[in-house]
All heavy atoms as atom14 arrays in JSON, in Angstrom:
{
  "sequence": "GLIPHDYEDGSLDVLVDALARDAKGDLILKDTPDLITLRSNVP",
  "atom14_mask": [
    [1, 1, 1, 1, 0, 0, 0, 0, 0, 0, 0, 0, 0, 0],
    [1, 1, 1, 1, 1, 1, 1, 1, 0, 0, 0, 0, 0, 0],
    [1, 1, 1, 1, 1, 1, 1, 1, 0, 0, 0, 0, 0, 0],
    [1, 1, 1, 1, 1, 1, 1, 0, 0, 0, 0, 0, 0, 0],
    [1, 1, 1, 1, 1, 1, 1, 1, 1, 1, 0, 0, 0, 0],
    [1, 1, 1, 1, 1, 1, 1, 1, 0, 0, 0, 0, 0, 0],
    [1, 1, 1, 1, 1, 1, 1, 1, 1, 1, 1, 1, 0, 0],
    [1, 1, 1, 1, 1, 1, 1, 1, 1, 0, 0, 0, 0, 0],
    [1, 1, 1, 1, 1, 1, 1, 1, 0, 0, 0, 0, 0, 0],
    [1, 1, 1, 1, 0, 0, 0, 0, 0, 0, 0, 0, 0, 0],
    [1, 1, 1, 1, 1, 1, 0, 0, 0, 0, 0, 0, 0, 0],
    [1, 1, 1, 1, 1, 1, 1, 1, 0, 0, 0, 0, 0, 0],
    [1, 1, 1, 1, 1, 1, 1, 1, 0, 0, 0, 0, 0, 0],
    [1, 1, 1, 1, 1, 1, 1, 0, 0, 0, 0, 0, 0, 0],
    [1, 1, 1, 1, 1, 1, 1, 1, 0, 0, 0, 0, 0, 0],
    [1, 1, 1, 1, 1, 1, 1, 0, 0, 0, 0, 0, 0, 0],
    [1, 1, 1, 1, 1, 1, 1, 1, 0, 0, 0, 0, 0, 0],
    [1, 1, 1, 1, 1, 0, 0, 0, 0, 0, 0, 0, 0, 0],
    [1, 1, 1, 1, 1, 1, 1, 1, 0, 0, 0, 0, 0, 0],
    [1, 1, 1, 1, 1, 0, 0, 0, 0, 0, 0, 0, 0, 0],
    [1, 1, 1, 1, 1, 1, 1, 1, 1, 1, 1, 0, 0, 0],
    [1, 1, 1, 1, 1, 1, 1, 1, 0, 0, 0, 0, 0, 0],
    [1, 1, 1, 1, 1, 0, 0, 0, 0, 0, 0, 0, 0, 0],
    [1, 1, 1, 1, 1, 1, 1, 1, 1, 0, 0, 0, 0, 0],
    [1, 1, 1, 1, 0, 0, 0, 0, 0, 0, 0, 0, 0, 0],
    [1, 1, 1, 1, 1, 1, 1, 1, 0, 0, 0, 0, 0, 0],
    [1, 1, 1, 1, 1, 1, 1, 1, 0, 0, 0, 0, 0, 0],
    [1, 1, 1, 1, 1, 1, 1, 1, 0, 0, 0, 0, 0, 0],
    [1, 1, 1, 1, 1, 1, 1, 1, 0, 0, 0, 0, 0, 0],
    [1, 1, 1, 1, 1, 1, 1, 1, 1, 0, 0, 0, 0, 0],
    [1, 1, 1, 1, 1, 1, 1, 1, 0, 0, 0, 0, 0, 0],
    [1, 1, 1, 1, 1, 1, 1, 0, 0, 0, 0, 0, 0, 0],
    [1, 1, 1, 1, 1, 1, 1, 0, 0, 0, 0, 0, 0, 0],
    [1, 1, 1, 1, 1, 1, 1, 1, 0, 0, 0, 0, 0, 0],
    [1, 1, 1, 1, 1, 1, 1, 1, 0, 0, 0, 0, 0, 0],
    [1, 1, 1, 1, 1, 1, 1, 1, 0, 0, 0, 0, 0, 0],
    [1, 1, 1, 1, 1, 1, 1, 0, 0, 0, 0, 0, 0, 0],
    [1, 1, 1, 1, 1, 1, 1, 1, 0, 0, 0, 0, 0, 0],
    [1, 1, 1, 1, 1, 1, 1, 1, 1, 1, 1, 0, 0, 0],
    [1, 1, 1, 1, 1, 1, 0, 0, 0, 0, 0, 0, 0, 0],
    [1, 1, 1, 1, 1, 1, 1, 1, 0, 0, 0, 0, 0, 0],
    [1, 1, 1, 1, 1, 1, 1, 0, 0, 0, 0, 0, 0, 0],
    [1, 1, 1, 1, 1, 1, 1, 0, 0, 0, 0, 0, 0, 0]
  ],
  "atom14_positions": [
    [[0.79, -1.23, 0.01], [0.02, 0.0, 0.0], [0.81, 1.27, 0.0], [0.28, 2.35, 0.19], [0.0, 0.0, 0.0], [0.0, 0.0, 0.0], [0.0, 0.0, 0.0], [0.0, 0.0, 0.0], [0.0, 0.0, 0.0], [0.0, 0.0, 0.0], [0.0, 0.0, 0.0], [0.0, 0.0, 0.0], [0.0, 0.0, 0.0], [0.0, 0.0, 0.0]],
    [[2.13, 1.17, -0.23], [2.94, 2.36, -0.16], [2.71, 3.25, -1.37], [2.6, 4.47, -1.27], [4.44, 1.97, -0.12], [4.89, 1.23, 1.16], [6.36, 0.84, 1.03], [4.65, 2.15, 2.36], [0.0, 0.0, 0.0], [0.0, 0.0, 0.0], [0.0, 0.0, 0.0], [0.0, 0.0, 0.0], [0.0, 0.0, 0.0], [0.0, 0.0, 0.0]],
    [[2.5, 2.67, -2.55], [2.3, 3.54, -3.72], [0.98, 4.22, -3.7], [0.9, 5.44, -3.86], [2.48, 2.67, -5.02], [3.95, 2.28, -5.18], [2.0, 3.47, -6.22], [4.21, 1.48, -6.44], [0.0, 0.0, 0.0], [0.0, 0.0, 0.0], [0.0, 0.0, 0.0], [0.0, 0.0, 0.0], [0.0, 0.0, 0.0], [0.0, 0.0, 0.0]],
    [[-0.16, 3.56, -3.39], [-1.47, 4.26, -3.32], [-1.46, 5.33, -2.22], [-2.08, 6.37, -2.36], [-2.44, 3.15, -3.02], [-1.83, 1.93, -3.6], [-0.34, 2.11, -3.35], [0.0, 0.0, 0.0], [0.0, 0.0, 0.0], [0.0, 0.0, 0.0], [0.0, 0.0, 0.0], [0.0, 0.0, 0.0], [0.0, 0.0, 0.0], [0.0, 0.0, 0.0]],
    [[-0.76, 5.07, -1.12], [-0.78, 6.02, -0.02], [-0.05, 7.33, -0.41], [-0.5, 8.43, -0.06], [-0.1, 5.39, 1.18], [0.06, 6.37, 2.36], [-1.03, 6.75, 3.12], [1.13, 7.03, 2.83], [-0.62, 7.62, 4.05], [0.67, 7.8, 3.91], [0.0, 0.0, 0.0], [0.0, 0.0, 0.0], [0.0, 0.0, 0.0], [0.0, 0.0, 0.0]],
    [[1.04, 7.19, -1.13], [1.84, 8.36, -1.47], [1.46, 9.0, -2.81], [1.9, 10.1, -3.14], [3.33, 8.05, -1.48], [3.81, 7.7, -0.09], [3.25, 8.22, 0.88], [4.79, 6.91, 0.0], [0.0, 0.0, 0.0], [0.0, 0.0, 0.0], [0.0, 0.0, 0.0], [0.0, 0.0, 0.0], [0.0, 0.0, 0.0], [0.0, 0.0, 0.0]],
    [[0.65, 8.3, -3.62], [0.39, 8.8, -4.97], [-0.64, 9.9, -4.9], [-1.73, 9.75, -4.32], [-0.14, 7.64, -5.85], [-0.16, 7.98, -7.31], [1.03, 8.2, -7.98], [-1.35, 8.08, -8.0], [1.05, 8.52, -9.32], [-1.36, 8.39, -9.34], [-0.17, 8.6, -10.01], [-0.17, 8.9, -11.35], [0.0, 0.0, 0.0], [0.0, 0.0, 0.0]],
    [[-0.35, 11.07, -5.52], [-1.22, 12.23, -5.38], [-1.82, 12.7, -6.7], [-2.49, 13.71, -6.74], [-0.41, 13.39, -4.81], [0.82, 13.74, -5.62], [1.77, 14.7, -4.88], [2.04, 14.49, -3.7], [2.23, 15.66, -5.53], [0.0, 0.0, 0.0], [0.0, 0.0, 0.0], [0.0, 0.0, 0.0], [0.0, 0.0, 0.0], [0.0, 0.0, 0.0]],
    [[-1.59, 11.97, -7.8], [-2.11, 12.37, -9.1], [-3.21, 11.5, -9.61], [-3.49, 11.46, -10.8], [-0.96, 12.39, -10.14], [0.02, 13.49, -9.88], [-0.36, 14.49, -9.22], [1.2, 13.38, -10.3], [0.0, 0.0, 0.0], [0.0, 0.0, 0.0], [0.0, 0.0, 0.0], [0.0, 0.0, 0.0], [0.0, 0.0, 0.0], [0.0, 0.0, 0.0]],
    [[-3.86, 10.71, -8.73], [-4.87, 9.81, -9.15], [-6.04, 10.49, -9.81], [-6.47, 10.11, -10.91], [0.0, 0.0, 0.0], [0.0, 0.0, 0.0], [0.0, 0.0, 0.0], [0.0, 0.0, 0.0], [0.0, 0.0, 0.0], [0.0, 0.0, 0.0], [0.0, 0.0, 0.0], [0.0, 0.0, 0.0], [0.0, 0.0, 0.0], [0.0, 0.0, 0.0]],
    [[-6.58, 11.55, -9.22], [-7.72, 12.27, -9.8], [-7.3, 12.99, -11.08], [-8.03, 13.02, -12.07], [-8.27, 13.31, -8.79], [-8.73, 12.65, -7.63], [0.0, 0.0, 0.0], [0.0, 0.0, 0.0], [0.0, 0.0, 0.0], [0.0, 0.0, 0.0], [0.0, 0.0, 0.0], [0.0, 0.0, 0.0], [0.0, 0.0, 0.0], [0.0, 0.0, 0.0]],
    [[-6.11, 13.59, -11.08], [-5.61, 14.28, -12.25], [-5.48, 13.33, -13.44], [-5.87, 13.64, -14.59], [-4.26, 14.92, -11.96], [-4.27, 16.27, -11.21], [-2.88, 16.63, -10.72], [-4.79, 17.36, -12.14], [0.0, 0.0, 0.0], [0.0, 0.0, 0.0], [0.0, 0.0, 0.0], [0.0, 0.0, 0.0], [0.0, 0.0, 0.0], [0.0, 0.0, 0.0]],
    [[-4.97, 12.14, -13.2], [-4.79, 11.19, -14.29], [-6.11, 10.8, -14.92], [-6.26, 10.69, -16.16], [-4.09, 9.9, -13.78], [-2.61, 10.18, -13.41], [-2.05, 11.18, -13.9], [-2.05, 9.39, -12.62], [0.0, 0.0, 0.0], [0.0, 0.0, 0.0], [0.0, 0.0, 0.0], [0.0, 0.0, 0.0], [0.0, 0.0, 0.0], [0.0, 0.0, 0.0]],
    [[-7.12, 10.54, -14.08], [-8.42, 10.17, -14.62], [-9.05, 11.32, -15.42], [-9.59, 11.1, -16.52], [-9.36, 9.78, -13.43], [-10.77, 9.53, -13.96], [-8.82, 8.55, -12.73], [0.0, 0.0, 0.0], [0.0, 0.0, 0.0], [0.0, 0.0, 0.0], [0.0, 0.0, 0.0], [0.0, 0.0, 0.0], [0.0, 0.0, 0.0], [0.0, 0.0, 0.0]],
    [[-8.91, 12.55, -14.91], [-9.49, 13.69, -15.65], [-8.77, 13.94, -16.96], [-9.39, 14.26, -17.98], [-9.4, 14.94, -14.79], [-10.27, 14.94, -13.48], [-9.97, 16.15, -12.65], [-11.74, 14.85, -13.85], [0.0, 0.0, 0.0], [0.0, 0.0, 0.0], [0.0, 0.0, 0.0], [0.0, 0.0, 0.0], [0.0, 0.0, 0.0], [0.0, 0.0, 0.0]],
    [[-7.45, 13.77, -17.0], [-6.7, 13.97, -18.23], [-7.15, 12.92, -19.29], [-7.31, 13.25, -20.46], [-5.17, 13.8, -17.96], [-4.39, 13.67, -19.26], [-4.67, 15.02, -17.16], [0.0, 0.0, 0.0], [0.0, 0.0, 0.0], [0.0, 0.0, 0.0], [0.0, 0.0, 0.0], [0.0, 0.0, 0.0], [0.0, 0.0, 0.0], [0.0, 0.0, 0.0]],
    [[-7.37, 11.67, -18.88], [-7.76, 10.62, -19.86], [-9.19, 10.83, -20.34], [-9.49, 10.44, -21.48], [-7.64, 9.24, -19.18], [-6.18, 8.83, -18.96], [-5.3, 9.47, -19.58], [-5.94, 7.95, -18.15], [0.0, 0.0, 0.0], [0.0, 0.0, 0.0], [0.0, 0.0, 0.0], [0.0, 0.0, 0.0], [0.0, 0.0, 0.0], [0.0, 0.0, 0.0]],
    [[-10.04, 11.41, -19.5], [-11.43, 11.52, -19.88], [-11.76, 12.81, -20.64], [-12.85, 12.97, -21.21], [-12.33, 11.44, -18.62], [0.0, 0.0, 0.0], [0.0, 0.0, 0.0], [0.0, 0.0, 0.0], [0.0, 0.0, 0.0], [0.0, 0.0, 0.0], [0.0, 0.0, 0.0], [0.0, 0.0, 0.0], [0.0, 0.0, 0.0], [0.0, 0.0, 0.0]],
    [[-10.85, 13.79, -20.62], [-11.14, 15.11, -21.2], [-11.18, 15.04, -22.72], [-10.39, 14.39, -23.37], [-10.08, 16.11, -20.74], [-10.35, 17.58, -21.05], [-11.59, 18.06, -20.29], [-9.14, 18.43, -20.65], [0.0, 0.0, 0.0], [0.0, 0.0, 0.0], [0.0, 0.0, 0.0], [0.0, 0.0, 0.0], [0.0, 0.0, 0.0], [0.0, 0.0, 0.0]],
    [[-12.15, 15.79, -23.31], [-12.3, 15.86, -24.77], [-13.01, 17.17, -25.08], [-13.29, 17.99, -24.18], [-13.07, 14.67, -25.24], [0.0, 0.0, 0.0], [0.0, 0.0, 0.0], [0.0, 0.0, 0.0], [0.0, 0.0, 0.0], [0.0, 0.0, 0.0], [0.0, 0.0, 0.0], [0.0, 0.0, 0.0], [0.0, 0.0, 0.0], [0.0, 0.0, 0.0]],
    [[-13.36, 17.4, -26.34], [-14.08, 18.59, -26.79], [-15.31, 18.14, -27.6], [-15.27, 17.13, -28.28], [-13.2, 19.49, -27.62], [-12.09, 20.16, -26.85], [-11.31, 21.15, -27.71], [-10.16, 21.65, -27.02], [-10.17, 22.76, -26.25], [-11.34, 23.4, -26.11], [-9.07, 23.17, -25.66], [0.0, 0.0, 0.0], [0.0, 0.0, 0.0], [0.0, 0.0, 0.0]],
    [[-16.37, 18.94, -27.48], [-17.55, 18.64, -28.26], [-17.44, 19.32, -29.61], [-16.4, 19.86, -30.0], [-18.81, 19.08, -27.5], [-18.8, 20.57, -27.2], [-17.96, 21.31, -27.79], [-19.63, 21.02, -26.4], [0.0, 0.0, 0.0], [0.0, 0.0, 0.0], [0.0, 0.0, 0.0], [0.0, 0.0, 0.0], [0.0, 0.0, 0.0], [0.0, 0.0, 0.0]],
    [[-18.56, 19.3, -30.38], [-18.51, 19.86, -31.73], [-18.29, 21.35, -31.72], [-17.76, 21.91, -32.7], [-19.84, 19.52, -32.42], [0.0, 0.0, 0.0], [0.0, 0.0, 0.0], [0.0, 0.0, 0.0], [0.0, 0.0, 0.0], [0.0, 0.0, 0.0], [0.0, 0.0, 0.0], [0.0, 0.0, 0.0], [0.0, 0.0, 0.0], [0.0, 0.0, 0.0]],
    [[-18.7, 22.02, -30.67], [-18.48, 23.47, -30.58], [-17.08, 23.84, -30.11], [-16.74, 25.04, -30.07], [-19.53, 24.09, -29.62], [-20.96, 23.91, -30.1], [-21.9, 24.5, -29.1], [-23.37, 24.32, -29.52], [-24.34, 24.95, -28.56], [0.0, 0.0, 0.0], [0.0, 0.0, 0.0], [0.0, 0.0, 0.0], [0.0, 0.0, 0.0], [0.0, 0.0, 0.0]],
    [[-16.32, 22.87, -29.62], [-14.99, 23.15, -29.12], [-14.94, 23.33, -27.63], [-13.93, 23.68, -27.06], [0.0, 0.0, 0.0], [0.0, 0.0, 0.0], [0.0, 0.0, 0.0], [0.0, 0.0, 0.0], [0.0, 0.0, 0.0], [0.0, 0.0, 0.0], [0.0, 0.0, 0.0], [0.0, 0.0, 0.0], [0.0, 0.0, 0.0], [0.0, 0.0, 0.0]],
    [[-16.09, 23.13, -26.95], [-16.12, 23.26, -25.49], [-15.52, 21.99, -24.86], [-15.55, 20.89, -25.43], [-17.53, 23.44, -25.02], [-18.14, 24.75, -25.47], [-17.35, 25.71, -25.67], [-19.35, 24.82, -25.69], [0.0, 0.0, 0.0], [0.0, 0.0, 0.0], [0.0, 0.0, 0.0], [0.0, 0.0, 0.0], [0.0, 0.0, 0.0], [0.0, 0.0, 0.0]],
    [[-15.02, 22.19, -23.64], [-14.43, 21.06, -22.91], [-15.52, 20.19, -22.32], [-16.49, 20.68, -21.74], [-13.52, 21.6, -21.79], [-12.29, 22.42, -22.23], [-11.62, 23.03, -21.01], [-11.31, 21.53, -23.0], [0.0, 0.0, 0.0], [0.0, 0.0, 0.0], [0.0, 0.0, 0.0], [0.0, 0.0, 0.0], [0.0, 0.0, 0.0], [0.0, 0.0, 0.0]],
    [[-15.36, 18.86, -22.48], [-16.32, 17.93, -21.89], [-15.52, 16.74, -21.31], [-14.36, 16.52, -21.64], [-17.29, 17.39, -22.97], [-16.55, 16.66, -24.1], [-18.2, 18.54, -23.49], [-17.45, 15.96, -25.08], [0.0, 0.0, 0.0], [0.0, 0.0, 0.0], [0.0, 0.0, 0.0], [0.0, 0.0, 0.0], [0.0, 0.0, 0.0], [0.0, 0.0, 0.0]],
    [[-16.21, 15.97, -20.47], [-15.64, 14.76, -19.9], [-16.38, 13.54, -20.43], [-17.64, 13.49, -20.35], [-15.68, 14.79, -18.38], [-14.67, 15.73, -17.67], [-14.91, 15.7, -16.15], [-13.25, 15.35, -17.98], [0.0, 0.0, 0.0], [0.0, 0.0, 0.0], [0.0, 0.0, 0.0], [0.0, 0.0, 0.0], [0.0, 0.0, 0.0], [0.0, 0.0, 0.0]],
    [[-15.66, 12.58, -20.94], [-16.27, 11.31, -21.36], [-16.44, 10.4, -20.14], [-15.58, 10.42, -19.24], [-15.42, 10.64, -22.42], [-15.28, 11.43, -23.71], [-14.45, 10.69, -24.74], [-13.0, 10.55, -24.28], [-12.14, 9.93, -25.33], [0.0, 0.0, 0.0], [0.0, 0.0, 0.0], [0.0, 0.0, 0.0], [0.0, 0.0, 0.0], [0.0, 0.0, 0.0]],
    [[-17.48, 9.63, -20.14], [-17.72, 8.75, -19.03], [-16.88, 7.47, -19.15], [-17.32, 6.38, -19.52], [-19.22, 8.35, -18.92], [-20.08, 9.54, -18.51], [-19.57, 10.38, -17.75], [-21.25, 9.58, -18.95], [0.0, 0.0, 0.0], [0.0, 0.0, 0.0], [0.0, 0.0, 0.0], [0.0, 0.0, 0.0], [0.0, 0.0, 0.0], [0.0, 0.0, 0.0]],
    [[-15.6, 7.63, -18.85], [-14.68, 6.48, -18.91], [-14.9, 5.64, -17.66], [-15.4, 6.13, -16.64], [-13.24, 6.96, -18.99], [-12.95, 7.73, -17.8], [-13.02, 7.86, -20.2], [0.0, 0.0, 0.0], [0.0, 0.0, 0.0], [0.0, 0.0, 0.0], [0.0, 0.0, 0.0], [0.0, 0.0, 0.0], [0.0, 0.0, 0.0], [0.0, 0.0, 0.0]],
    [[-14.54, 4.34, -17.71], [-14.64, 3.49, -16.53], [-13.89, 4.08, -15.31], [-14.37, 4.0, -14.19], [-14.04, 2.19, -16.96], [-14.24, 2.15, -18.41], [-14.08, 3.57, -18.91], [0.0, 0.0, 0.0], [0.0, 0.0, 0.0], [0.0, 0.0, 0.0], [0.0, 0.0, 0.0], [0.0, 0.0, 0.0], [0.0, 0.0, 0.0], [0.0, 0.0, 0.0]],
    [[-12.71, 4.69, -15.54], [-11.96, 5.25, -14.44], [-12.69, 6.44, -13.83], [-12.69, 6.65, -12.62], [-10.55, 5.68, -14.92], [-9.66, 4.49, -15.19], [-9.96, 3.38, -14.68], [-8.63, 4.64, -15.88], [0.0, 0.0, 0.0], [0.0, 0.0, 0.0], [0.0, 0.0, 0.0], [0.0, 0.0, 0.0], [0.0, 0.0, 0.0], [0.0, 0.0, 0.0]],
    [[-13.35, 7.29, -14.69], [-14.1, 8.45, -14.19], [-15.31, 8.01, -13.38], [-15.63, 8.6, -12.34], [-14.47, 9.35, -15.34], [-15.25, 10.65, -14.97], [-14.39, 11.49, -14.04], [-15.61, 11.42, -16.24], [0.0, 0.0, 0.0], [0.0, 0.0, 0.0], [0.0, 0.0, 0.0], [0.0, 0.0, 0.0], [0.0, 0.0, 0.0], [0.0, 0.0, 0.0]],
    [[-15.99, 6.99, -13.89], [-17.11, 6.47, -13.12], [-16.71, 5.94, -11.76], [-17.34, 6.17, -10.74], [-17.85, 5.36, -13.96], [-18.44, 5.97, -15.24], [-18.91, 4.68, -13.13], [-18.98, 4.94, -16.19], [0.0, 0.0, 0.0], [0.0, 0.0, 0.0], [0.0, 0.0, 0.0], [0.0, 0.0, 0.0], [0.0, 0.0, 0.0], [0.0, 0.0, 0.0]],
    [[-15.58, 5.19, -11.77], [-15.08, 4.65, -10.48], [-14.66, 5.78, -9.57], [-14.88, 5.74, -8.36], [-13.87, 3.72, -10.76], [-14.28, 2.68, -11.63], [-13.33, 3.13, -9.48], [0.0, 0.0, 0.0], [0.0, 0.0, 0.0], [0.0, 0.0, 0.0], [0.0, 0.0, 0.0], [0.0, 0.0, 0.0], [0.0, 0.0, 0.0], [0.0, 0.0, 0.0]],
    [[-14.01, 6.83, -10.12], [-13.58, 7.95, -9.29], [-14.77, 8.68, -8.64], [-14.74, 9.0, -7.45], [-12.75, 8.92, -10.16], [-12.21, 10.19, -9.44], [-11.26, 9.79, -8.33], [-11.56, 11.11, -10.45], [0.0, 0.0, 0.0], [0.0, 0.0, 0.0], [0.0, 0.0, 0.0], [0.0, 0.0, 0.0], [0.0, 0.0, 0.0], [0.0, 0.0, 0.0]],
    [[-15.79, 8.92, -9.43], [-16.98, 9.58, -8.85], [-17.65, 8.73, -7.82], [-18.23, 9.25, -6.85], [-17.93, 9.9, -10.01], [-17.5, 11.12, -10.83], [-18.39, 11.31, -12.04], [-18.08, 12.55, -12.76], [-18.44, 12.84, -13.99], [-19.13, 11.93, -14.69], [-18.13, 14.0, -14.51], [0.0, 0.0, 0.0], [0.0, 0.0, 0.0], [0.0, 0.0, 0.0]],
    [[-17.6, 7.41, -7.99], [-18.2, 6.5, -7.0], [-17.39, 6.47, -5.72], [-17.96, 6.48, -4.61], [-18.33, 5.09, -7.59], [-18.77, 4.17, -6.64], [0.0, 0.0, 0.0], [0.0, 0.0, 0.0], [0.0, 0.0, 0.0], [0.0, 0.0, 0.0], [0.0, 0.0, 0.0], [0.0, 0.0, 0.0], [0.0, 0.0, 0.0], [0.0, 0.0, 0.0]],
    [[-16.04, 6.5, -5.84], [-15.2, 6.4, -4.63], [-15.05, 7.75, -3.96], [-14.74, 7.79, -2.76], [-13.83, 5.86, -5.04], [-13.89, 4.44, -5.51], [-14.81, 3.68, -5.18], [-12.85, 4.03, -6.31], [0.0, 0.0, 0.0], [0.0, 0.0, 0.0], [0.0, 0.0, 0.0], [0.0, 0.0, 0.0], [0.0, 0.0, 0.0], [0.0, 0.0, 0.0]],
    [[-15.22, 8.85, -4.72], [-15.04, 10.2, -4.15], [-16.34, 10.97, -4.37], [-16.5, 11.72, -5.36], [-13.84, 10.91, -4.79], [-13.57, 12.26, -4.1], [-12.6, 10.05, -4.77], [0.0, 0.0, 0.0], [0.0, 0.0, 0.0], [0.0, 0.0, 0.0], [0.0, 0.0, 0.0], [0.0, 0.0, 0.0], [0.0, 0.0, 0.0], [0.0, 0.0, 0.0]],
    [[-17.3, 10.87, -3.43], [-18.58, 11.56, -3.63], [-18.47, 13.1, -3.71], [-19.23, 13.73, -4.42], [-19.41, 11.15, -2.41], [-18.73, 9.88, -1.92], [-17.29, 10.04, -2.23], [0.0, 0.0, 0.0], [0.0, 0.0, 0.0], [0.0, 0.0, 0.0], [0.0, 0.0, 0.0], [0.0, 0.0, 0.0], [0.0, 0.0, 0.0], [0.0, 0.0, 0.0]]
  ]
}
């Protein structure tokens, strides 16, 4: 458990992978499995 305890970029990594743009060029988040898990674990 040393790596999970000290790791501080977990949320950032999930947001970076899920980020995209819509047809208008606005920023959106895709519902990736990691993003769904993050929202479930971090209310």
